[in-house]
């Protein structure tokens, strides 16, 4: 029997084993959580470091800056280096970054640590998604990527719930110490279980590899269109989650961090939608899924606007928002990954650069909107961005899809 690290991996025509899909999904969940722990903790972090309410969103923006750096300079390495060693090395550095955040003595050091968390958490997550696409047969790529993306969704949910519960019990710094222990355990598991296999790579040097990412952005219309949709939808998503803790932790609700974080659990339906959307994209229905997702994204802001009157209305809005986002995200990724098997890491890097920009802008805009116009100001911001995404998609829809959706869609 081969050693666990020599686990047989399917060839291009074989179906990906469920055990391997599960491993990738769990690793995605634990990796991406590091990027989102700060969102339900902003009020506590702001108080400790003396940050104004309108400026505390910079903590999340610093994390998104790290995400952008990862997408530009680290994620493309998956098309060049051994992905197994690359991910294990990134996890070791992630443990150090988490410890640095937990021990930060002032705001500048905290922000540096947040940049590092965004960089390493994003590099791991997107590397794992690219690996999922590379290991999957073309006819099941949407299903496999959807399952891995489901792990990302679970990581988002767990990040907020775990951060809230741990912060209420031991303070916000303990959140990052617990995460450091989880990252160390994940590194040990991946070192033993992640398969060894030579995947398609680019015959390029590092700087040529980076330049080729810009070439992909310049020449691949699907990447540009899907990236712009991602920028807008993640700006709306980040605007919501960044500002949410501010009204919920204040009267009349005065909820604890645990209670605020638990609203993320409402979005568990997004996990099911992620897998379903991937299957629909495999069958050529990506544009129809996009239309439904963008319509739901716009609709979600109606119940969300009633936060001060009803937490049940807020929960309904969170459910609609998460279902819309995951349907759109998996559809985008499936269509982008279909461009080239030799460029999966660069494609996901290029696509997620749009995500990082949108998330960063949404975070800092939402806290400013809340300071100026309260929760309704945040809702107006999110609804406007969502409508812009819908109008952009309609304007860039291929002509054959506009006329009766007759032809099968393809990237």
Foldseek 3Di string as FASTA:
>chain_A
DDFQQADDFDDQVDAGDPVQLVLLLQQLLLLLLLLALCQLVLVVVCVVQVNDLLFSLVLSLLLLLLLLCLLQAPLQCLQPDFLLVSLLVLLVVLLVLLLQCLPPDHDVSNSVSSSSSSNSSNSNNLSSLLVQQQRGHLLCSLLSSLSSVLSNLNSNLCSQQLQQVCCVVPRNSVSSVVSSVVSVVSSVVSVRNPYGDDTAHDPDDSVVSSVVLVVCCVPPPLLVLLLLLLLLLLLLVLLCSNCQSVVCCDPPNVDGSNVSSNLSVLQNVLSVLSNVLSNCVSQQCLLVLLLVLLVLQLVLLVLCLCVNPDVVSVSSSSNSSSNSNSSSVSSSLSQQCQPDSSRSSSSSSSSCSSNSNSNSNSSSVNSNQCVVPNPVSSSVVSNVSSVVSNVSCVVPPDPCCVPVHPDRDHD
